[in-house]
Amino acid sequence: MAVAAPPARPADLTAAGLTWIHLDSPSLDAAQELADRFGWHPLDVEDVMSKRQRPKIDDYADEGYLFGVLHFPVYDRSIQRLNAAELDIFVGPDYLITLPAVELLPVTRLFERCRDDERFRDDLFSKGSGRLLYEVLDDLFDYCFPILDKIGHKLDSLEDDVFEGRSEEVVRDISNVKQEIISYRKIIKPERSTLRVLERHVERFLPEELELYFDDVVDAAERIWDILDNYKEVVEALEDTNESVIGHRQNDVLRILTVFSVVLLPLTLITGFFGMNVHFPGYETMWAFWVIFVGMVVALAGMLVFFRYKRWL
C-alpha cells in the first residue's frame, strides 16, 4: 500500500529583520497555520484556497498588512493553451508571503537565489518588504514578455504562410493564436487596475526613495496590454486576409467552371439539334458531318475569344 506524501511545508528566509515565506499550492492546513501566525482575516484564507478568485488588493490598515491576488499567464500543457496562474501575496512591515496556486518559475528562482546567495539576500531584504515584492513582480512581468515574443513569432510565420499560398492550412493555426491572444488579454485586463491600486497601498512598506519602483511594474503591464492590442489587430487582419485569399481562389474555381459550362452549352445545343431522328439537308452525308463539326469548332473558338476579350479568362 502506497503511503501518501506529506503536505509541503512553507519555506522561509529571514535576513535584516525581514521574513519571506514561499509555498506552492498551499493546503488548507498550511494556509490556516500561516493565518494564525500572522493574524490574517479568515476571509483571506478562503480567498487563498479559492480556485476562481479575481485579481484584487485588500488593505488591512488596522492589522498592518496587505493582501493581494494577481494572475499571470502560464502555458498549461494539459490543454495546450495559456492559462491564468494565481499568486496570493501578503505584505507586512516585516514579512512577505507568496502563495502561488501553481509553481511560478520566476518566483521560485528568485527565492532560491536569495537562499543560496547570502550577500544578495541581505542587500535585498534590508530594503524592506515592499522592495522585495517589487522584485518578485518585476521578475514575473519580465517572464511575460518571452510568451509575447512567441506569439509574435507565430504571427510572422502565419503571415508568410498566408501569402505563400497555404491559406487553407493555416486556418486552424490562426484560430489557435487568436485564442492565445484572447486568453492573455483576459488575464492582463483586470491586472492593470489592480496594479494601480497596489501601487497606492504598498507605499507604506517602501522607503521614500523607492516609491517610484512600482511605476515600472505598472508600465510593464501597460506595455504588455499595448502589445496585445497590436497582436489582436494583426491576427484579425490576417484572418480577414486569409478569408479573402480563400474566397478569391474559390471565385477563380467557380469562374473556370462557369466558363466551361457556358462554352459547352452551344455545343450541346448543336449536337442535340442535329442528333434528332429526323431528316435534314445533308442527312447521312459526309459533308454534313464536317459542316456541323466546323460550326462547333468556330462556336467554341468564338466564345473563348469573347471571354478573353472580356478578361473573364
C-alpha atoms as a PDB file:
ATOM      1  CA  MET A   1       0.000   0.000   0.000  1.00  0.00           C
ATOM      2  CA  ALA A   2       1.439   3.363  -1.089  1.00  0.00           C
ATOM      3  CA  VAL A   3       1.989   5.951   1.602  1.00  0.00           C
ATOM      4  CA  ALA A   4       0.685   9.423   0.777  1.00  0.00           C
ATOM      5  CA  ALA A   5       3.367  12.085   0.569  1.00  0.00           C
ATOM      6  CA  PRO A   6       3.295  14.563   3.442  1.00  0.00           C
ATOM      7  CA  PRO A   7       1.964  18.013   2.528  1.00  0.00           C
ATOM      8  CA  ALA A   8       4.577  20.558   1.502  1.00  0.00           C
ATOM      9  CA  ARG A   9       5.765  22.880   4.235  1.00  0.00           C
ATOM     10  CA  PRO A  10       6.333  26.605   3.706  1.00  0.00           C
ATOM     11  CA  ALA A  11       9.949  27.559   3.001  1.00  0.00           C
ATOM     12  CA  ASP A  12      11.139  30.700   4.727  1.00  0.00           C
ATOM     13  CA  LEU A  13      14.116  33.023   4.594  1.00  0.00           C
ATOM     14  CA  THR A  14      15.000  35.674   7.161  1.00  0.00           C
ATOM     15  CA  ALA A  15      17.523  38.492   6.926  1.00  0.00           C
ATOM     16  CA  ALA A  16      17.747  42.116   8.076  1.00  0.00           C
ATOM     17  CA  GLY A  17      14.591  41.700  10.157  1.00  0.00           C
ATOM     18  CA  LEU A  18      12.508  40.619   7.137  1.00  0.00           C
ATOM     19  CA  THR A  19      10.995  37.166   6.521  1.00  0.00           C
ATOM     20  CA  TRP A  20       9.986  35.779   3.136  1.00  0.00           C
ATOM     21  CA  ILE A  21       7.792  32.673   3.184  1.00  0.00           C
ATOM     22  CA  HIS A  22       7.062  30.885  -0.067  1.00  0.00           C
ATOM     23  CA  LEU A  23       4.825  27.860  -0.724  1.00  0.00           C
ATOM     24  CA  ASP A  24       3.423  26.468  -3.986  1.00  0.00           C
ATOM     25  CA  SER A  25      -0.168  25.166  -3.944  1.00  0.00           C
ATOM     26  CA  PRO A  26      -0.737  25.676  -0.209  1.00  0.00           C
ATOM     27  CA  SER A  27      -3.023  23.282   1.629  1.00  0.00           C
ATOM     28  CA  LEU A  28      -5.798  24.493   3.923  1.00  0.00           C
ATOM     29  CA  ASP A  29      -3.810  23.454   6.995  1.00  0.00           C
ATOM     30  CA  ALA A  30      -0.710  25.337   5.825  1.00  0.00           C
ATOM     31  CA  ALA A  31      -2.722  28.464   4.978  1.00  0.00           C
ATOM     32  CA  GLN A  32      -4.518  28.349   8.332  1.00  0.00           C
ATOM     33  CA  GLU A  33      -1.223  27.896  10.158  1.00  0.00           C
ATOM     34  CA  LEU A  34       0.187  30.996   8.469  1.00  0.00           C
ATOM     35  CA  ALA A  35      -3.023  32.926   9.199  1.00  0.00           C
ATOM     36  CA  ASP A  36      -2.764  32.074  12.892  1.00  0.00           C
ATOM     37  CA  ARG A  37       0.893  33.056  12.935  1.00  0.00           C
ATOM     38  CA  PHE A  38       0.472  36.453  11.242  1.00  0.00           C
ATOM     39  CA  GLY A  39      -3.080  37.322  12.255  1.00  0.00           C
ATOM     40  CA  TRP A  40      -4.793  37.272   8.867  1.00  0.00           C
ATOM     41  CA  HIS A  41      -8.514  37.656   8.376  1.00  0.00           C
ATOM     42  CA  PRO A  42     -10.385  34.319   7.900  1.00  0.00           C
ATOM     43  CA  LEU A  43     -11.738  35.528   4.550  1.00  0.00           C
ATOM     44  CA  ASP A  44      -8.177  35.763   3.244  1.00  0.00           C
ATOM     45  CA  VAL A  45      -7.693  32.055   3.900  1.00  0.00           C
ATOM     46  CA  GLU A  46     -10.866  31.357   1.911  1.00  0.00           C
ATOM     47  CA  ASP A  47      -9.521  33.501  -0.939  1.00  0.00           C
ATOM     48  CA  VAL A  48      -6.214  31.622  -0.893  1.00  0.00           C
ATOM     49  CA  MET A  49      -7.999  28.296  -1.198  1.00  0.00           C
ATOM     50  CA  SER A  50     -10.450  29.557  -3.829  1.00  0.00           C
ATOM     51  CA  LYS A  51      -9.691  28.466  -7.392  1.00  0.00           C
ATOM     52  CA  ARG A  52     -11.698  31.239  -9.084  1.00  0.00           C
ATOM     53  CA  GLN A  53     -10.584  34.390  -7.322  1.00  0.00           C
ATOM     54  CA  ARG A  54     -10.408  37.627  -9.307  1.00  0.00           C
ATOM     55  CA  PRO A  55      -7.369  39.946  -9.091  1.00  0.00           C
ATOM     56  CA  LYS A  56      -7.746  42.334  -6.156  1.00  0.00           C
ATOM     57  CA  ILE A  57      -5.970  44.205  -3.372  1.00  0.00           C
ATOM     58  CA  ASP A  58      -7.319  44.279   0.200  1.00  0.00           C
ATOM     59  CA  ASP A  59      -5.675  46.738   2.562  1.00  0.00           C
ATOM     60  CA  TYR A  60      -5.967  45.838   6.258  1.00  0.00           C
ATOM     61  CA  ALA A  61      -4.570  49.054   7.677  1.00  0.00           C
ATOM     62  CA  ASP A  62      -5.555  48.288  11.266  1.00  0.00           C
ATOM     63  CA  GLU A  63      -3.971  44.832  11.156  1.00  0.00           C
ATOM     64  CA  GLY A  64      -0.936  46.251   9.367  1.00  0.00           C
ATOM     65  CA  TYR A  65      -0.818  44.053   6.274  1.00  0.00           C
ATOM     66  CA  LEU A  66      -1.814  43.995   2.623  1.00  0.00           C
ATOM     67  CA  PHE A  67      -3.432  41.036   0.837  1.00  0.00           C
ATOM     68  CA  GLY A  68      -3.391  40.732  -2.930  1.00  0.00           C
ATOM     69  CA  VAL A  69      -4.451  38.310  -5.635  1.00  0.00           C
ATOM     70  CA  LEU A  70      -2.707  38.564  -9.000  1.00  0.00           C
ATOM     71  CA  HIS A  71      -2.851  36.438 -12.136  1.00  0.00           C
ATOM     72  CA  PHE A  72      -0.034  35.634 -14.547  1.00  0.00           C
ATOM     73  CA  PRO A  73      -0.041  33.670 -17.822  1.00  0.00           C
ATOM     74  CA  VAL A  74       1.388  30.158 -17.844  1.00  0.00           C
ATOM     75  CA  TYR A  75       1.270  27.500 -20.551  1.00  0.00           C
ATOM     76  CA  ASP A  76      -0.975  24.638 -19.474  1.00  0.00           C
ATOM     77  CA  ARG A  77       0.312  21.519 -21.231  1.00  0.00           C
ATOM     78  CA  SER A  78      -2.823  19.533 -20.368  1.00  0.00           C
ATOM     79  CA  ILE A  79      -4.996  21.781 -22.563  1.00  0.00           C
ATOM     80  CA  GLN A  80      -2.090  23.149 -24.663  1.00  0.00           C
ATOM     81  CA  ARG A  81      -3.173  26.732 -24.095  1.00  0.00           C
ATOM     82  CA  LEU A  82      -2.365  29.738 -21.951  1.00  0.00           C
ATOM     83  CA  ASN A  83      -3.991  29.715 -18.549  1.00  0.00           C
ATOM     84  CA  ALA A  84      -4.084  32.109 -15.606  1.00  0.00           C
ATOM     85  CA  ALA A  85      -1.884  31.175 -12.646  1.00  0.00           C
ATOM     86  CA  GLU A  86      -2.933  32.786  -9.373  1.00  0.00           C
ATOM     87  CA  LEU A  87      -0.443  34.335  -6.978  1.00  0.00           C
ATOM     88  CA  ASP A  88      -1.632  35.252  -3.482  1.00  0.00           C
ATOM     89  CA  ILE A  89       0.572  37.709  -1.618  1.00  0.00           C
ATOM     90  CA  PHE A  90       0.619  39.000   1.940  1.00  0.00           C
ATOM     91  CA  VAL A  91       2.775  42.028   2.680  1.00  0.00           C
ATOM     92  CA  GLY A  92       3.508  43.201   6.197  1.00  0.00           C
ATOM     93  CA  PRO A  93       6.084  45.569   7.647  1.00  0.00           C
ATOM     94  CA  ASP A  94       8.489  42.711   8.350  1.00  0.00           C
ATOM     95  CA  TYR A  95       7.335  39.884   6.099  1.00  0.00           C
ATOM     96  CA  LEU A  96       6.324  38.854   2.569  1.00  0.00           C
ATOM     97  CA  ILE A  97       4.298  35.691   1.936  1.00  0.00           C
ATOM     98  CA  THR A  98       3.941  34.348  -1.629  1.00  0.00           C
ATOM     99  CA  LEU A  99       1.450  31.532  -2.206  1.00  0.00           C
ATOM    100  CA  PRO A 100       1.110  30.672  -5.923  1.00  0.00           C
ATOM    101  CA  ALA A 101      -1.607  28.186  -6.880  1.00  0.00           C
ATOM    102  CA  VAL A 102       0.869  26.544  -9.285  1.00  0.00           C
ATOM    103  CA  GLU A 103       4.611  26.888  -9.463  1.00  0.00           C
ATOM    104  CA  LEU A 104       5.728  30.191 -10.966  1.00  0.00           C
ATOM    105  CA  LEU A 105       9.322  29.742 -12.077  1.00  0.00           C
ATOM    106  CA  PRO A 106      10.413  33.398 -11.666  1.00  0.00           C
ATOM    107  CA  VAL A 107       9.301  33.376  -8.015  1.00  0.00           C
ATOM    108  CA  THR A 108      10.918  30.008  -7.373  1.00  0.00           C
ATOM    109  CA  ARG A 109      14.195  31.107  -8.960  1.00  0.00           C
ATOM    110  CA  LEU A 110      14.295  34.386  -7.025  1.00  0.00           C
ATOM    111  CA  PHE A 111      13.616  32.543  -3.767  1.00  0.00           C
ATOM    112  CA  GLU A 112      16.375  30.030  -4.499  1.00  0.00           C
ATOM    113  CA  ARG A 113      18.788  32.837  -5.367  1.00  0.00           C
ATOM    114  CA  CYS A 114      18.035  34.582  -2.072  1.00  0.00           C
ATOM    115  CA  ARG A 115      18.549  31.286  -0.270  1.00  0.00           C
ATOM    116  CA  ASP A 116      21.856  30.487  -1.963  1.00  0.00           C
ATOM    117  CA  ASP A 117      23.381  33.995  -2.169  1.00  0.00           C
ATOM    118  CA  GLU A 118      23.650  35.426   1.338  1.00  0.00           C
ATOM    119  CA  ARG A 119      25.021  38.781   0.219  1.00  0.00           C
ATOM    120  CA  PHE A 120      22.236  39.271  -2.323  1.00  0.00           C
ATOM    121  CA  ARG A 121      19.645  38.250   0.285  1.00  0.00           C
ATOM    122  CA  ASP A 122      20.948  40.639   2.921  1.00  0.00           C
ATOM    123  CA  ASP A 123      21.079  43.530   0.461  1.00  0.00           C
ATOM    124  CA  LEU A 124      17.570  42.903  -0.881  1.00  0.00           C
ATOM    125  CA  PHE A 125      15.886  42.186   2.445  1.00  0.00           C
ATOM    126  CA  SER A 126      17.404  45.295   4.027  1.00  0.00           C
ATOM    127  CA  LYS A 127      15.282  47.443   1.655  1.00  0.00           C
ATOM    128  CA  GLY A 128      12.012  46.238   3.137  1.00  0.00           C
ATOM    129  CA  SER A 129       9.062  44.049   2.207  1.00  0.00           C
ATOM    130  CA  GLY A 130       7.798  46.481  -0.447  1.00  0.00           C
ATOM    131  CA  ARG A 131      11.052  46.345  -2.390  1.00  0.00           C
ATOM    132  CA  LEU A 132      11.118  42.548  -2.136  1.00  0.00           C
ATOM    133  CA  LEU A 133       7.572  42.430  -3.513  1.00  0.00           C
ATOM    134  CA  TYR A 134       8.672  44.673  -6.380  1.00  0.00           C
ATOM    135  CA  GLU A 135      11.478  42.252  -7.269  1.00  0.00           C
ATOM    136  CA  VAL A 136       9.000  39.357  -7.295  1.00  0.00           C
ATOM    137  CA  LEU A 137       6.540  41.194  -9.550  1.00  0.00           C
ATOM    138  CA  ASP A 138       9.280  42.574 -11.785  1.00  0.00           C
ATOM    139  CA  ASP A 139      10.603  39.066 -12.457  1.00  0.00           C
ATOM    140  CA  LEU A 140       7.077  37.806 -13.133  1.00  0.00           C
ATOM    141  CA  PHE A 141       6.337  40.528 -15.681  1.00  0.00           C
ATOM    142  CA  ASP A 142       9.736  40.037 -17.306  1.00  0.00           C
ATOM    143  CA  TYR A 143       8.693  36.404 -17.699  1.00  0.00           C
ATOM    144  CA  CYS A 144       5.554  37.545 -19.567  1.00  0.00           C
ATOM    145  CA  PHE A 145       7.456  39.102 -22.466  1.00  0.00           C
ATOM    146  CA  PRO A 146       9.002  35.871 -23.858  1.00  0.00           C
ATOM    147  CA  ILE A 147       5.452  34.497 -24.141  1.00  0.00           C
ATOM    148  CA  LEU A 148       4.524  37.604 -26.131  1.00  0.00           C
ATOM    149  CA  ASP A 149       7.602  37.112 -28.324  1.00  0.00           C
ATOM    150  CA  LYS A 150       6.471  33.558 -29.123  1.00  0.00           C
ATOM    151  CA  ILE A 151       3.040  34.812 -30.123  1.00  0.00           C
ATOM    152  CA  GLY A 152       4.673  37.489 -32.286  1.00  0.00           C
ATOM    153  CA  HIS A 153       6.846  34.853 -33.976  1.00  0.00           C
ATOM    154  CA  LYS A 154       3.742  32.744 -34.679  1.00  0.00           C
ATOM    155  CA  LEU A 155       2.037  35.764 -36.268  1.00  0.00           C
ATOM    156  CA  ASP A 156       5.065  36.384 -38.505  1.00  0.00           C
ATOM    157  CA  SER A 157       5.059  32.742 -39.603  1.00  0.00           C
ATOM    158  CA  LEU A 158       1.321  32.839 -40.279  1.00  0.00           C
ATOM    159  CA  GLU A 159       1.713  35.978 -42.389  1.00  0.00           C
ATOM    160  CA  ASP A 160       4.336  34.220 -44.523  1.00  0.00           C
ATOM    161  CA  ASP A 161       2.108  31.134 -44.858  1.00  0.00           C
ATOM    162  CA  VAL A 162      -0.913  33.183 -45.945  1.00  0.00           C
ATOM    163  CA  PHE A 163       0.985  34.937 -48.734  1.00  0.00           C
ATOM    164  CA  GLU A 164       2.816  31.801 -49.837  1.00  0.00           C
ATOM    165  CA  GLY A 165      -0.391  30.043 -50.825  1.00  0.00           C
ATOM    166  CA  ARG A 166      -1.086  27.882 -47.766  1.00  0.00           C
ATOM    167  CA  SER A 167      -4.289  29.648 -46.749  1.00  0.00           C
ATOM    168  CA  GLU A 168      -6.367  26.524 -46.126  1.00  0.00           C
ATOM    169  CA  GLU A 169      -3.637  25.008 -43.935  1.00  0.00           C
ATOM    170  CA  VAL A 170      -3.299  27.993 -41.578  1.00  0.00           C
ATOM    171  CA  VAL A 171      -6.973  28.417 -40.671  1.00  0.00           C
ATOM    172  CA  ARG A 172      -6.550  26.298 -37.522  1.00  0.00           C
ATOM    173  CA  ASP A 173      -3.226  27.969 -36.666  1.00  0.00           C
ATOM    174  CA  ILE A 174      -4.806  31.421 -36.885  1.00  0.00           C
ATOM    175  CA  SER A 175      -7.619  30.257 -34.632  1.00  0.00           C
ATOM    176  CA  ASN A 176      -5.140  28.906 -32.057  1.00  0.00           C
ATOM    177  CA  VAL A 177      -3.082  32.117 -31.990  1.00  0.00           C
ATOM    178  CA  LYS A 178      -6.250  34.178 -31.715  1.00  0.00           C
ATOM    179  CA  GLN A 179      -7.311  32.082 -28.732  1.00  0.00           C
ATOM    180  CA  GLU A 180      -3.918  32.634 -27.069  1.00  0.00           C
ATOM    181  CA  ILE A 181      -4.218  36.400 -27.512  1.00  0.00           C
ATOM    182  CA  ILE A 182      -7.762  36.399 -26.110  1.00  0.00           C
ATOM    183  CA  SER A 183      -6.658  34.334 -23.096  1.00  0.00           C
ATOM    184  CA  TYR A 184      -3.696  36.633 -22.478  1.00  0.00           C
ATOM    185  CA  ARG A 185      -5.917  39.713 -22.679  1.00  0.00           C
ATOM    186  CA  LYS A 186      -8.380  38.201 -20.197  1.00  0.00           C
ATOM    187  CA  ILE A 187      -5.505  37.761 -17.732  1.00  0.00           C
ATOM    188  CA  ILE A 188      -3.902  41.189 -18.148  1.00  0.00           C
ATOM    189  CA  LYS A 189      -7.019  43.383 -18.427  1.00  0.00           C
ATOM    190  CA  PRO A 190      -8.112  43.184 -14.737  1.00  0.00           C
ATOM    191  CA  GLU A 191      -4.457  43.166 -13.672  1.00  0.00           C
ATOM    192  CA  ARG A 192      -3.888  46.741 -14.853  1.00  0.00           C
ATOM    193  CA  SER A 193      -6.333  48.367 -12.441  1.00  0.00           C
ATOM    194  CA  THR A 194      -5.263  46.027  -9.628  1.00  0.00           C
ATOM    195  CA  LEU A 195      -1.615  47.069 -10.003  1.00  0.00           C
ATOM    196  CA  ARG A 196      -2.577  50.737  -9.776  1.00  0.00           C
ATOM    197  CA  VAL A 197      -4.381  50.024  -6.501  1.00  0.00           C
ATOM    198  CA  LEU A 198      -1.358  48.059  -5.275  1.00  0.00           C
ATOM    199  CA  GLU A 199       0.931  50.953  -6.188  1.00  0.00           C
ATOM    200  CA  ARG A 200      -1.057  53.304  -3.967  1.00  0.00           C
ATOM    201  CA  HIS A 201      -1.371  50.991  -0.962  1.00  0.00           C
ATOM    202  CA  VAL A 202       2.110  49.477  -0.917  1.00  0.00           C
ATOM    203  CA  GLU A 203       3.801  52.839  -0.402  1.00  0.00           C
ATOM    204  CA  ARG A 204       3.809  52.480   3.379  1.00  0.00           C
ATOM    205  CA  PHE A 205       6.039  49.416   3.039  1.00  0.00           C
ATOM    206  CA  LEU A 206       8.544  51.271   0.840  1.00  0.00           C
ATOM    207  CA  PRO A 207      11.222  53.782   1.799  1.00  0.00           C
ATOM    208  CA  GLU A 208      10.505  57.183   0.293  1.00  0.00           C
ATOM    209  CA  GLU A 209      13.332  56.904  -2.246  1.00  0.00           C
ATOM    210  CA  LEU A 210      11.868  53.628  -3.599  1.00  0.00           C
ATOM    211  CA  GLU A 211       8.258  54.749  -4.114  1.00  0.00           C
ATOM    212  CA  LEU A 212       8.730  55.108  -7.876  1.00  0.00           C
ATOM    213  CA  TYR A 213       9.685  51.462  -8.333  1.00  0.00           C
ATOM    214  CA  PHE A 214       6.105  50.245  -8.700  1.00  0.00           C
ATOM    215  CA  ASP A 215       5.597  52.664 -11.597  1.00  0.00           C
ATOM    216  CA  ASP A 216       7.878  50.318 -13.512  1.00  0.00           C
ATOM    217  CA  VAL A 217       5.575  47.353 -12.800  1.00  0.00           C
ATOM    218  CA  VAL A 218       2.511  49.333 -13.894  1.00  0.00           C
ATOM    219  CA  ASP A 219       4.356  50.424 -17.055  1.00  0.00           C
ATOM    220  CA  ALA A 220       5.244  46.798 -17.805  1.00  0.00           C
ATOM    221  CA  ALA A 221       1.589  45.794 -17.560  1.00  0.00           C
ATOM    222  CA  GLU A 222       0.623  48.669 -19.866  1.00  0.00           C
ATOM    223  CA  ARG A 223       3.316  47.678 -22.398  1.00  0.00           C
ATOM    224  CA  ILE A 224       2.021  44.125 -22.381  1.00  0.00           C
ATOM    225  CA  TRP A 225      -1.527  45.403 -22.956  1.00  0.00           C
ATOM    226  CA  ASP A 226      -0.397  47.624 -25.839  1.00  0.00           C
ATOM    227  CA  ILE A 227       1.436  44.718 -27.466  1.00  0.00           C
ATOM    228  CA  LEU A 228      -1.628  42.502 -27.061  1.00  0.00           C
ATOM    229  CA  ASP A 229      -3.780  45.201 -28.648  1.00  0.00           C
ATOM    230  CA  ASN A 230      -1.384  45.284 -31.584  1.00  0.00           C
ATOM    231  CA  TYR A 231      -1.380  41.489 -31.848  1.00  0.00           C
ATOM    232  CA  LYS A 232      -5.190  41.474 -31.738  1.00  0.00           C
ATOM    233  CA  GLU A 233      -5.325  43.828 -34.710  1.00  0.00           C
ATOM    234  CA  VAL A 234      -2.689  41.823 -36.582  1.00  0.00           C
ATOM    235  CA  VAL A 235      -4.398  38.452 -36.103  1.00  0.00           C
ATOM    236  CA  GLU A 236      -7.781  39.895 -37.095  1.00  0.00           C
ATOM    237  CA  ALA A 237      -6.215  41.408 -40.223  1.00  0.00           C
ATOM    238  CA  LEU A 238      -4.533  38.081 -41.022  1.00  0.00           C
ATOM    239  CA  GLU A 239      -7.826  36.263 -40.539  1.00  0.00           C
ATOM    240  CA  ASP A 240      -9.625  38.677 -42.879  1.00  0.00           C
ATOM    241  CA  THR A 241      -6.807  38.480 -45.438  1.00  0.00           C
ATOM    242  CA  ASN A 242      -6.772  34.695 -45.284  1.00  0.00           C
ATOM    243  CA  GLU A 243     -10.528  34.525 -45.798  1.00  0.00           C
ATOM    244  CA  SER A 244     -10.200  36.940 -48.737  1.00  0.00           C
ATOM    245  CA  VAL A 245      -7.489  34.795 -50.317  1.00  0.00           C
ATOM    246  CA  ILE A 246      -9.578  31.638 -49.870  1.00  0.00           C
ATOM    247  CA  GLY A 247     -12.645  33.423 -51.247  1.00  0.00           C
ATOM    248  CA  HIS A 248     -10.663  34.703 -54.233  1.00  0.00           C
ATOM    249  CA  ARG A 249      -9.462  31.200 -55.037  1.00  0.00           C
ATOM    250  CA  GLN A 250     -12.971  29.825 -54.754  1.00  0.00           C
ATOM    251  CA  ASN A 251     -14.163  32.550 -57.100  1.00  0.00           C
ATOM    252  CA  ASP A 252     -11.440  31.571 -59.584  1.00  0.00           C
ATOM    253  CA  VAL A 253     -12.584  27.961 -59.458  1.00  0.00           C
ATOM    254  CA  LEU A 254     -16.231  28.963 -59.907  1.00  0.00           C
ATOM    255  CA  ARG A 255     -15.302  31.246 -62.818  1.00  0.00           C
ATOM    256  CA  ILE A 256     -13.452  28.471 -64.631  1.00  0.00           C
ATOM    257  CA  LEU A 257     -16.313  26.031 -64.055  1.00  0.00           C
ATOM    258  CA  THR A 258     -18.824  28.616 -65.287  1.00  0.00           C
ATOM    259  CA  VAL A 259     -16.758  29.227 -68.445  1.00  0.00           C
ATOM    260  CA  PHE A 260     -16.665  25.502 -69.167  1.00  0.00           C
ATOM    261  CA  SER A 261     -20.422  25.273 -68.650  1.00  0.00           C
ATOM    262  CA  VAL A 262     -21.159  28.227 -70.931  1.00  0.00           C
ATOM    263  CA  VAL A 263     -18.729  27.003 -73.605  1.00  0.00           C
ATOM    264  CA  LEU A 264     -20.284  23.549 -73.660  1.00  0.00           C
ATOM    265  CA  LEU A 265     -23.841  24.868 -73.780  1.00  0.00           C
ATOM    266  CA  PRO A 266     -23.942  25.811 -77.539  1.00  0.00           C
ATOM    267  CA  LEU A 267     -22.038  22.636 -78.411  1.00  0.00           C
ATOM    268  CA  THR A 268     -24.630  20.601 -76.543  1.00  0.00           C
ATOM    269  CA  LEU A 269     -27.389  22.538 -78.301  1.00  0.00           C
ATOM    270  CA  ILE A 270     -25.902  21.845 -81.749  1.00  0.00           C
ATOM    271  CA  THR A 271     -25.337  18.144 -81.116  1.00  0.00           C
ATOM    272  CA  GLY A 272     -28.792  17.816 -79.585  1.00  0.00           C
ATOM    273  CA  PHE A 273     -30.460  19.557 -82.522  1.00  0.00           C
ATOM    274  CA  PHE A 274     -28.759  17.508 -85.196  1.00  0.00           C
ATOM    275  CA  GLY A 275     -28.999  14.344 -83.145  1.00  0.00           C
ATOM    276  CA  MET A 276     -32.791  14.206 -83.549  1.00  0.00           C
ATOM    277  CA  ASN A 277     -34.158  11.278 -85.537  1.00  0.00           C
ATOM    278  CA  VAL A 278     -35.384  13.489 -88.408  1.00  0.00           C
ATOM    279  CA  HIS A 279     -34.101  14.020 -91.891  1.00  0.00           C
ATOM    280  CA  PHE A 280     -32.345  17.335 -92.514  1.00  0.00           C
ATOM    281  CA  PRO A 281     -30.429  18.668 -95.542  1.00  0.00           C
ATOM    282  CA  GLY A 282     -27.345  16.513 -95.971  1.00  0.00           C
ATOM    283  CA  TYR A 283     -28.692  13.771 -93.733  1.00  0.00           C
ATOM    284  CA  GLU A 284     -26.323  10.772 -93.634  1.00  0.00           C
ATOM    285  CA  THR A 285     -23.693  12.547 -95.784  1.00  0.00           C
ATOM    286  CA  MET A 286     -20.026  13.111 -95.033  1.00  0.00           C
ATOM    287  CA  TRP A 287     -20.073  16.845 -95.905  1.00  0.00           C
ATOM    288  CA  ALA A 288     -22.916  17.478 -93.388  1.00  0.00           C
ATOM    289  CA  PHE A 289     -20.797  15.952 -90.593  1.00  0.00           C
ATOM    290  CA  TRP A 290     -17.865  18.202 -91.395  1.00  0.00           C
ATOM    291  CA  VAL A 291     -20.057  21.302 -91.649  1.00  0.00           C
ATOM    292  CA  ILE A 292     -21.531  20.602 -88.224  1.00  0.00           C
ATOM    293  CA  PHE A 293     -18.088  19.829 -86.775  1.00  0.00           C
ATOM    294  CA  VAL A 294     -16.530  23.032 -88.170  1.00  0.00           C
ATOM    295  CA  GLY A 295     -19.516  25.012 -86.903  1.00  0.00           C
ATOM    296  CA  MET A 296     -18.954  23.627 -83.392  1.00  0.00           C
ATOM    297  CA  VAL A 297     -15.230  24.482 -83.510  1.00  0.00           C
ATOM    298  CA  VAL A 298     -15.984  28.026 -84.723  1.00  0.00           C
ATOM    299  CA  ALA A 299     -18.572  28.496 -81.944  1.00  0.00           C
ATOM    300  CA  LEU A 300     -16.096  27.214 -79.340  1.00  0.00           C
ATOM    301  CA  ALA A 301     -13.258  29.426 -80.586  1.00  0.00           C
ATOM    302  CA  GLY A 302     -15.549  32.463 -80.854  1.00  0.00           C
ATOM    303  CA  MET A 303     -16.738  32.099 -77.283  1.00  0.00           C
ATOM    304  CA  LEU A 304     -13.186  31.657 -75.961  1.00  0.00           C
ATOM    305  CA  VAL A 305     -12.049  34.775 -77.861  1.00  0.00           C
ATOM    306  CA  PHE A 306     -15.039  36.699 -76.463  1.00  0.00           C
ATOM    307  CA  PHE A 307     -14.290  35.595 -72.883  1.00  0.00           C
ATOM    308  CA  ARG A 308     -10.654  36.521 -73.352  1.00  0.00           C
ATOM    309  CA  TYR A 309     -11.648  39.944 -74.691  1.00  0.00           C
ATOM    310  CA  LYS A 310     -13.851  40.479 -71.624  1.00  0.00           C
ATOM    311  CA  ARG A 311     -10.955  39.314 -69.380  1.00  0.00           C
ATOM    312  CA  TRP A 312     -13.067  36.558 -67.915  1.00  0.00           C
ATOM    313  CA  LEU A 313     -10.260  34.109 -68.678  1.00  0.00           C
END
